Amino acid sequence: MSKAGEITKGVIDAWLAEHPDVPITLIEDDPTRLNAMLAAGTPPDLVRGLGATSTANIASRGLALDLDPYLAKSSVLKESELAKINDVWRWDGTRQGEGAHFGLVKDWSQDAMFWYNVNAFKEAGIPLPTADKPLRYDQLLEYSAPMTKRGGGKVEQYGLFTTAPTIEAISAMVATTSGRVFNDDLSKVDFTSPEAMRALQWFIDVAKAKTGYTLLDPNPDGWDWPPFDAKRIAMAAAGYWFGGAVAQNPKTAEFARLAPAPMLGSKRVSPATSATGHWISAKSNMKDEAYAFLEWYSAGAPAKTRAQSGWGLPAVTSLATELPQSQPYQSEALAVQKNEEQYLQVISFSPYAQTTAVSAAIANLFPRAVDGSLSAGQFADQTTTAVNDLLKQGMELAGKKG
């Protein structure tokens, strides 16, 4: 189960040329269908997932296969060759980033970074971000106002990237204050801490300022590339991988540049909140074949092609030299990225609820915080209660006491 745009016909044909006795049936990535297949006991052999947010859940539920025995005996891929980001696919039973590997990254980026339109910044008289001096979230909000252009009752250009108070975004922001949203055993959240409140208030202020797409004014394109390419937003929330999209339009490549992850507090943290890859079902009847495909796709010829395209950073260190640098935006983005890697941090998410469900609980209450029906404090209180109810239900299903 993956995406046809990633496991393309060309990828499948290349695999079959080398492994004609192991055909592939591709099921389009669909969380609802996956849950149904898991419930029926007939999961796909190989499943696409976001390692940063799903590892704890699939590992603790016994859904994913421990890959360490395969890595230990592989003649193609050694654990020592894995980029550090693969740690997000590790789980030791209590903590993410340690223990056995339950999946492998296909390609990755540090997701709190953003791209910006150089011309929009210059026209507004705003200093350009640099690799060694990230902007603060309050600066982003301040700068977004003069870069937001309106005419004829419509917004011609938003100054800020698309925002949403997801658990991933809030956790990344709070991490820069040296704080955490989840408690030590990941069984509860607290959005009422001063650090979490600052993050929630920022999202509320952005929605009220109307200087970017929000939950109350959704991005009709679903992601930031189309409006960024069309100069309808001055910033795009995306990591290094966005360079693959920029490469599609030479005119956009002239003004697009990558900036480091912003900061809410004083600690530099640049997390990966996706680390997209694949995991093998513990119930698969073709575990060996699934692993053979997984290491080939993650570290073999397809991975080399992806690295050369700029659509993300490779899963193995040996392919880092394949990243594109011929264009100014590419060499500058790679320099920013290399500096940013020292601030990479694994942020743990709870195994007791899927991050999509947690973010939905937050989103459900968010409009009331923006229109004033709920104060920021009430929003934090009610969101904490709603998410903790979800976690408690998950713990009960897992046979644990809350």
Protein backbone atom coordinates (compact mmCIF):
# COMPACT_ATOMS: atom_id res chain seq x y z
CA MET A 1 0.00 0.00 0.00
CA SER A 2 1.62 3.22 -1.16
CA LYS A 3 1.12 6.05 -3.63
CA ALA A 4 1.15 5.52 -7.37
CA GLY A 5 3.14 8.73 -7.71
CA GLU A 6 5.91 7.17 -5.62
CA ILE A 7 5.76 3.46 -6.49
CA THR A 8 5.36 4.31 -10.17
CA LYS A 9 4.92 1.94 -13.09
CA GLY A 10 8.55 2.60 -13.92
CA VAL A 11 9.61 1.53 -10.42
CA ILE A 12 7.50 -1.62 -10.63
CA ASP A 13 8.82 -2.49 -14.10
CA ALA A 14 12.41 -2.03 -12.89
CA TRP A 15 11.71 -4.33 -9.95
CA LEU A 16 10.11 -6.98 -12.15
CA ALA A 17 13.06 -6.90 -14.53
CA GLU A 18 15.22 -8.13 -11.66
CA HIS A 19 12.60 -10.13 -9.75
CA PRO A 20 10.12 -11.56 -12.28
CA ASP A 21 8.93 -14.13 -9.75
CA VAL A 22 7.83 -11.46 -7.22
CA PRO A 23 5.05 -9.40 -8.85
CA ILE A 24 3.65 -6.33 -7.12
CA THR A 25 0.02 -5.38 -6.60
CA LEU A 26 -0.18 -1.71 -5.65
CA ILE A 27 -3.01 -0.51 -3.42
CA GLU A 28 -3.34 3.27 -3.30
CA ASP A 29 -2.50 4.68 0.13
CA ASP A 30 -5.77 4.89 2.08
CA PRO A 31 -5.86 4.98 5.92
CA THR A 32 -9.52 3.89 6.04
CA ARG A 33 -8.90 0.88 3.83
CA LEU A 34 -5.75 0.03 5.75
CA ASN A 35 -7.63 0.01 9.06
CA ALA A 36 -10.25 -2.26 7.52
CA MET A 37 -7.60 -4.64 6.19
CA LEU A 38 -5.85 -4.68 9.57
CA ALA A 39 -9.13 -5.42 11.34
CA ALA A 40 -9.80 -8.27 8.91
CA GLY A 41 -6.34 -9.72 9.51
CA THR A 42 -5.36 -9.33 5.85
CA PRO A 43 -3.01 -6.33 5.79
CA PRO A 44 -0.78 -5.42 2.83
CA ASP A 45 2.72 -6.90 2.97
CA LEU A 46 4.31 -3.46 2.77
CA VAL A 47 2.66 -0.25 3.99
CA ARG A 48 3.48 3.42 3.48
CA GLY A 49 3.62 5.42 6.70
CA LEU A 50 4.93 8.52 8.41
CA GLY A 51 7.61 7.18 10.70
CA ALA A 52 7.70 10.22 12.93
CA THR A 53 4.04 9.95 13.89
CA SER A 54 3.08 6.30 13.34
CA THR A 55 5.97 4.19 14.65
CA ALA A 56 4.90 4.10 18.29
CA ASN A 57 1.37 3.13 17.32
CA ILE A 58 2.14 0.35 14.84
CA ALA A 59 5.03 -1.08 16.87
CA SER A 60 3.23 -1.14 20.21
CA ARG A 61 0.18 -2.81 18.59
CA GLY A 62 2.36 -5.53 17.09
CA LEU A 63 1.40 -4.56 13.55
CA ALA A 64 4.89 -3.93 12.18
CA LEU A 65 7.75 -6.38 11.71
CA ASP A 66 11.04 -5.88 13.58
CA LEU A 67 13.55 -5.20 10.79
CA ASP A 68 16.74 -5.50 12.85
CA PRO A 69 17.29 -9.21 12.05
CA TYR A 70 17.12 -8.36 8.35
CA LEU A 71 19.48 -5.41 8.69
CA ALA A 72 21.93 -7.60 10.60
CA LYS A 73 22.23 -10.14 7.80
CA SER A 74 21.70 -7.90 4.77
CA SER A 75 24.50 -7.76 2.23
CA VAL A 76 22.92 -4.71 0.60
CA LEU A 77 22.05 -2.38 3.46
CA LYS A 78 23.83 -2.11 6.79
CA GLU A 79 22.45 -0.31 9.83
CA SER A 80 25.62 1.82 9.93
CA GLU A 81 24.70 3.24 6.50
CA LEU A 82 21.30 4.50 7.60
CA ALA A 83 20.86 8.25 7.90
CA LYS A 84 20.09 9.31 11.46
CA ILE A 85 16.52 10.16 10.50
CA ASN A 86 15.72 6.44 10.43
CA ASP A 87 15.73 6.63 14.23
CA VAL A 88 12.14 7.86 14.05
CA TRP A 89 11.24 4.33 12.92
CA ARG A 90 12.69 2.87 16.13
CA TRP A 91 10.69 1.95 19.23
CA ASP A 92 11.88 0.25 22.42
CA GLY A 93 8.46 -0.17 24.00
CA THR A 94 8.42 3.16 25.78
CA ARG A 95 10.43 5.63 23.75
CA GLN A 96 10.68 6.53 20.08
CA GLY A 97 14.16 6.87 18.60
CA GLU A 98 15.58 3.89 20.47
CA GLY A 99 15.22 0.13 20.13
CA ALA A 100 14.45 -1.93 17.04
CA HIS A 101 13.70 -0.53 13.57
CA PHE A 102 10.10 -1.06 12.47
CA GLY A 103 10.38 0.66 9.11
CA LEU A 104 12.73 2.53 6.80
CA VAL A 105 12.58 6.06 5.45
CA LYS A 106 12.21 6.39 1.68
CA ASP A 107 13.25 10.07 1.67
CA TRP A 108 12.84 12.83 4.20
CA SER A 109 13.04 16.47 5.23
CA GLN A 110 12.97 18.51 8.42
CA ASP A 111 9.38 19.59 8.24
CA ALA A 112 9.29 22.81 10.28
CA MET A 113 11.44 24.59 7.68
CA PHE A 114 9.85 26.82 5.08
CA TRP A 115 10.52 28.24 1.62
CA TYR A 116 10.05 31.92 0.86
CA ASN A 117 9.74 34.29 -2.05
CA VAL A 118 12.87 36.46 -2.02
CA ASN A 119 11.14 39.21 -4.00
CA ALA A 120 8.18 39.39 -1.63
CA PHE A 121 10.53 39.84 1.32
CA LYS A 122 12.57 42.50 -0.45
CA GLU A 123 9.52 44.45 -1.63
CA ALA A 124 8.25 44.57 1.96
CA GLY A 125 11.67 45.65 3.25
CA ILE A 126 12.06 42.52 5.36
CA PRO A 127 15.55 41.05 5.93
CA LEU A 128 16.01 37.63 4.37
CA PRO A 129 16.27 34.60 6.67
CA THR A 130 19.70 32.99 6.98
CA ALA A 131 20.83 29.48 7.86
CA ASP A 132 22.39 30.54 11.14
CA LYS A 133 19.68 32.92 12.33
CA PRO A 134 16.17 31.45 12.18
CA LEU A 135 13.13 33.67 12.44
CA ARG A 136 10.86 33.56 15.46
CA TYR A 137 7.19 32.69 15.09
CA ASP A 138 6.15 36.15 16.24
CA GLN A 139 8.36 37.62 13.51
CA LEU A 140 6.69 35.42 10.89
CA LEU A 141 3.30 36.74 11.94
CA GLU A 142 4.57 40.33 11.97
CA TYR A 143 6.21 40.03 8.56
CA SER A 144 3.20 38.32 6.99
CA ALA A 145 1.07 41.46 7.26
CA PRO A 146 3.03 43.72 4.86
CA MET A 147 3.46 40.80 2.45
CA THR A 148 -0.28 40.14 2.32
CA LYS A 149 -1.80 41.91 -0.67
CA ARG A 150 -5.51 42.52 -1.11
CA GLY A 151 -7.43 43.99 -4.00
CA GLY A 152 -11.02 44.05 -5.16
CA GLY A 153 -12.18 42.46 -1.94
CA LYS A 154 -9.93 39.46 -2.51
CA VAL A 155 -6.56 38.30 -1.26
CA GLU A 156 -4.04 38.44 -4.10
CA GLN A 157 -1.14 37.15 -2.01
CA TYR A 158 -0.94 35.83 1.52
CA GLY A 159 2.22 36.64 3.44
CA LEU A 160 2.41 33.43 5.47
CA PHE A 161 2.39 29.73 4.67
CA THR A 162 -0.64 27.56 5.42
CA THR A 163 -1.06 26.92 9.16
CA ALA A 164 -3.05 24.44 11.24
CA PRO A 165 -2.77 23.65 14.97
CA THR A 166 -1.88 20.00 14.47
CA ILE A 167 -0.24 17.98 17.23
CA GLU A 168 2.90 17.78 15.07
CA ALA A 169 3.13 21.55 14.62
CA ILE A 170 2.39 22.34 18.26
CA SER A 171 4.91 19.75 19.47
CA ALA A 172 7.59 21.14 17.17
CA MET A 173 7.01 24.67 18.44
CA VAL A 174 6.99 23.67 22.10
CA ALA A 175 10.21 21.69 21.61
CA THR A 176 12.04 24.97 20.93
CA THR A 177 11.10 26.08 24.45
CA SER A 178 12.66 22.88 25.88
CA GLY A 179 9.12 21.78 26.75
CA ARG A 180 6.90 18.87 25.76
CA VAL A 181 3.21 18.39 25.05
CA PHE A 182 3.09 14.72 26.08
CA ASN A 183 4.04 13.43 29.53
CA ASP A 184 6.88 10.94 30.06
CA ASP A 185 4.89 7.77 29.28
CA LEU A 186 2.98 9.42 26.42
CA SER A 187 -0.35 8.70 28.11
CA LYS A 188 -1.48 12.31 28.50
CA VAL A 189 -1.11 15.76 26.97
CA ASP A 190 -1.13 19.19 28.53
CA PHE A 191 -1.95 22.17 26.37
CA THR A 192 -2.35 24.43 29.41
CA SER A 193 1.38 24.83 30.07
CA PRO A 194 2.75 28.31 29.34
CA GLU A 195 4.76 26.89 26.42
CA ALA A 196 1.82 25.11 24.80
CA MET A 197 -0.41 28.13 25.40
CA ARG A 198 2.06 30.30 23.47
CA ALA A 199 1.85 27.93 20.53
CA LEU A 200 -1.96 27.78 20.58
CA GLN A 201 -2.19 31.56 20.85
CA TRP A 202 0.05 31.95 17.81
CA PHE A 203 -2.30 29.88 15.67
CA ILE A 204 -5.26 31.86 16.96
CA ASP A 205 -3.51 35.16 16.20
CA VAL A 206 -2.65 34.00 12.67
CA ALA A 207 -6.26 33.04 11.97
CA LYS A 208 -7.48 36.39 13.26
CA ALA A 209 -4.88 38.32 11.25
CA LYS A 210 -5.95 36.56 8.04
CA THR A 211 -2.48 36.68 6.53
CA GLY A 212 -2.36 33.04 5.48
CA TYR A 213 -4.52 30.00 4.82
CA THR A 214 -5.88 28.50 8.05
CA LEU A 215 -8.56 26.04 9.15
CA LEU A 216 -11.05 28.89 8.81
CA ASP A 217 -9.80 29.79 5.33
CA PRO A 218 -8.54 26.47 3.92
CA ASN A 219 -5.97 26.25 1.17
CA PRO A 220 -8.09 25.13 -1.81
CA ASP A 221 -5.09 23.37 -3.36
CA GLY A 222 -4.46 21.21 -0.31
CA TRP A 223 -0.76 22.06 -0.13
CA ASP A 224 1.48 25.08 -0.58
CA TRP A 225 3.13 24.40 -3.93
CA PRO A 226 0.36 25.61 -6.29
CA PRO A 227 -0.18 28.99 -4.56
CA PHE A 228 3.56 29.48 -3.96
CA ASP A 229 4.31 28.75 -7.61
CA ALA A 230 1.56 31.18 -8.64
CA LYS A 231 2.80 33.86 -6.17
CA ARG A 232 -0.40 33.67 -4.15
CA ILE A 233 1.56 33.02 -0.94
CA ALA A 234 4.95 34.47 -0.02
CA MET A 235 6.01 31.45 2.06
CA ALA A 236 5.48 27.71 1.80
CA ALA A 237 5.59 25.35 4.77
CA ALA A 238 7.87 22.58 3.53
CA GLY A 239 11.28 21.08 4.07
CA TYR A 240 14.12 20.36 1.68
CA TRP A 241 11.93 18.04 -0.44
CA PHE A 242 10.04 21.06 -1.83
CA GLY A 243 13.05 21.70 -4.05
CA GLY A 244 11.81 18.89 -6.28
CA ALA A 245 8.67 20.93 -6.97
CA VAL A 246 10.64 24.16 -7.45
CA ALA A 247 12.68 22.41 -10.15
CA GLN A 248 9.51 22.13 -12.25
CA ASN A 249 9.36 25.87 -12.93
CA PRO A 250 12.54 27.86 -13.78
CA LYS A 251 10.76 31.14 -12.99
CA THR A 252 9.87 29.98 -9.48
CA ALA A 253 13.44 28.72 -9.01
CA GLU A 254 14.60 32.32 -9.43
CA PHE A 255 12.81 33.55 -6.29
CA ALA A 256 12.44 30.43 -4.09
CA ARG A 257 14.81 29.93 -1.17
CA LEU A 258 14.82 27.64 1.87
CA ALA A 259 14.81 28.95 5.46
CA PRO A 260 15.58 27.13 8.73
CA ALA A 261 12.88 26.07 11.17
CA PRO A 262 11.41 29.01 13.13
CA MET A 263 11.63 29.19 16.92
CA LEU A 264 9.03 29.79 19.61
CA GLY A 265 11.58 29.59 22.42
CA SER A 266 15.36 29.86 22.62
CA LYS A 267 16.35 26.28 21.76
CA ARG A 268 16.99 25.40 18.13
CA VAL A 269 15.04 22.30 17.18
CA SER A 270 14.37 21.28 13.60
CA PRO A 271 12.26 18.12 13.69
CA ALA A 272 11.06 15.73 11.03
CA THR A 273 7.38 15.19 11.69
CA SER A 274 6.81 12.88 8.73
CA ALA A 275 9.93 10.85 7.73
CA THR A 276 7.83 9.03 5.15
CA GLY A 277 8.75 5.43 4.53
CA HIS A 278 7.37 1.91 4.66
CA TRP A 279 6.86 -0.85 7.20
CA ILE A 280 6.29 -4.57 6.76
CA SER A 281 3.25 -6.23 8.25
CA ALA A 282 4.03 -8.69 11.03
CA LYS A 283 1.35 -10.93 9.47
CA SER A 284 2.83 -10.86 5.99
CA ASN A 285 3.38 -14.23 4.31
CA MET A 286 6.09 -12.68 2.15
CA LYS A 287 8.32 -10.99 4.70
CA ASP A 288 11.59 -11.78 2.92
CA GLU A 289 10.32 -10.54 -0.42
CA ALA A 290 8.85 -7.42 1.18
CA TYR A 291 12.16 -6.61 2.83
CA ALA A 292 14.06 -7.18 -0.42
CA PHE A 293 11.82 -4.62 -2.12
CA LEU A 294 12.02 -2.24 0.84
CA GLU A 295 15.81 -2.05 0.90
CA TRP A 296 15.99 -1.82 -2.90
CA TYR A 297 13.46 1.04 -2.96
CA SER A 298 14.94 2.86 0.04
CA ALA A 299 18.64 2.49 -0.78
CA GLY A 300 18.96 1.12 -4.33
CA ALA A 301 18.44 2.52 -7.82
CA PRO A 302 15.05 4.18 -7.13
CA ALA A 303 16.52 5.97 -4.12
CA LYS A 304 19.40 7.28 -6.22
CA THR A 305 16.97 8.67 -8.79
CA ARG A 306 14.91 10.39 -6.09
CA ALA A 307 18.00 11.94 -4.53
CA GLN A 308 19.10 13.35 -7.88
CA SER A 309 15.67 14.93 -8.38
CA GLY A 310 15.77 16.85 -5.10
CA TRP A 311 12.53 15.34 -3.85
CA GLY A 312 13.86 14.86 -0.33
CA LEU A 313 17.00 13.66 1.39
CA PRO A 314 18.07 10.02 0.97
CA ALA A 315 17.63 7.30 3.57
CA VAL A 316 21.28 6.27 3.38
CA THR A 317 24.35 8.47 3.81
CA SER A 318 26.06 7.12 0.69
CA LEU A 319 23.52 8.83 -1.58
CA ALA A 320 23.95 12.33 -0.12
CA THR A 321 26.42 13.16 -2.90
CA GLU A 322 23.64 12.67 -5.47
CA LEU A 323 21.63 15.69 -4.29
CA PRO A 324 21.35 18.42 -6.97
CA GLN A 325 23.47 21.57 -6.67
CA SER A 326 23.66 22.99 -10.19
CA GLN A 327 21.12 25.80 -9.64
CA PRO A 328 21.58 28.63 -7.11
CA TYR A 329 18.41 27.71 -5.17
CA GLN A 330 19.63 24.09 -4.98
CA SER A 331 23.10 24.86 -3.64
CA GLU A 332 21.71 27.41 -1.18
CA ALA A 333 18.98 25.03 0.01
CA LEU A 334 21.51 22.25 0.54
CA ALA A 335 23.74 24.58 2.57
CA VAL A 336 20.78 25.54 4.79
CA GLN A 337 19.82 21.89 5.12
CA LYS A 338 23.31 20.74 6.10
CA ASN A 339 23.45 23.38 8.82
CA GLU A 340 19.97 22.41 10.01
CA GLU A 341 20.76 18.72 10.54
CA GLN A 342 22.61 19.43 13.77
CA TYR A 343 19.27 20.54 15.24
CA LEU A 344 17.36 17.43 14.19
CA GLN A 345 15.38 15.96 17.08
CA VAL A 346 13.02 13.01 17.43
CA ILE A 347 9.72 14.17 18.91
CA SER A 348 7.72 11.32 20.44
CA PHE A 349 4.01 10.91 19.77
CA SER A 350 1.71 8.69 21.75
CA PRO A 351 1.11 5.06 20.75
CA TYR A 352 -2.43 5.28 22.14
CA ALA A 353 -4.00 7.46 19.44
CA GLN A 354 -3.27 8.23 15.83
CA THR A 355 -1.97 11.74 15.30
CA THR A 356 -4.75 12.40 12.79
CA ALA A 357 -7.34 11.78 15.52
CA VAL A 358 -5.50 14.01 17.99
CA SER A 359 -5.22 16.85 15.47
CA ALA A 360 -8.91 16.46 14.58
CA ALA A 361 -9.85 16.93 18.24
CA ILE A 362 -7.84 20.16 18.32
CA ALA A 363 -9.29 21.36 15.00
CA ASN A 364 -12.83 20.72 16.23
CA LEU A 365 -12.49 23.36 18.95
CA PHE A 366 -10.21 25.79 17.12
CA PRO A 367 -12.89 27.89 15.31
CA ARG A 368 -14.48 28.76 18.66
CA ALA A 369 -11.15 30.03 19.96
CA VAL A 370 -10.78 32.26 16.92
CA ASP A 371 -14.29 33.74 17.03
CA GLY A 372 -14.03 34.36 20.77
CA SER A 373 -16.57 31.77 21.89
CA LEU A 374 -13.72 30.23 23.88
CA SER A 375 -10.91 32.11 25.54
CA ALA A 376 -7.41 30.82 24.84
CA GLY A 377 -7.39 29.30 28.32
CA GLN A 378 -10.72 27.55 27.78
CA PHE A 379 -9.54 26.30 24.40
CA ALA A 380 -6.41 24.84 26.02
CA ASP A 381 -8.45 23.24 28.84
CA GLN A 382 -11.06 21.68 26.58
CA THR A 383 -8.50 20.52 24.02
CA THR A 384 -6.47 18.87 26.78
CA THR A 385 -9.57 17.06 28.02
CA ALA A 386 -10.66 15.95 24.54
CA VAL A 387 -7.24 14.58 23.59
CA ASN A 388 -6.72 12.87 26.95
CA ASP A 389 -10.08 11.14 26.49
CA LEU A 390 -8.81 9.77 23.18
CA LEU A 391 -5.58 8.59 24.78
CA LYS A 392 -7.48 6.96 27.64
CA GLN A 393 -9.63 5.03 25.16
CA GLY A 394 -6.50 3.87 23.35
CA MET A 395 -4.89 2.76 26.60
CA GLU A 396 -7.99 0.78 27.55
CA LEU A 397 -7.93 -0.98 24.19
CA ALA A 398 -4.26 -1.77 24.76
CA GLY A 399 -5.07 -3.19 28.20
CA LYS A 400 -3.22 -0.45 30.11
CA LYS A 401 -4.43 1.60 33.03
CA GLY A 402 -4.60 5.38 32.69
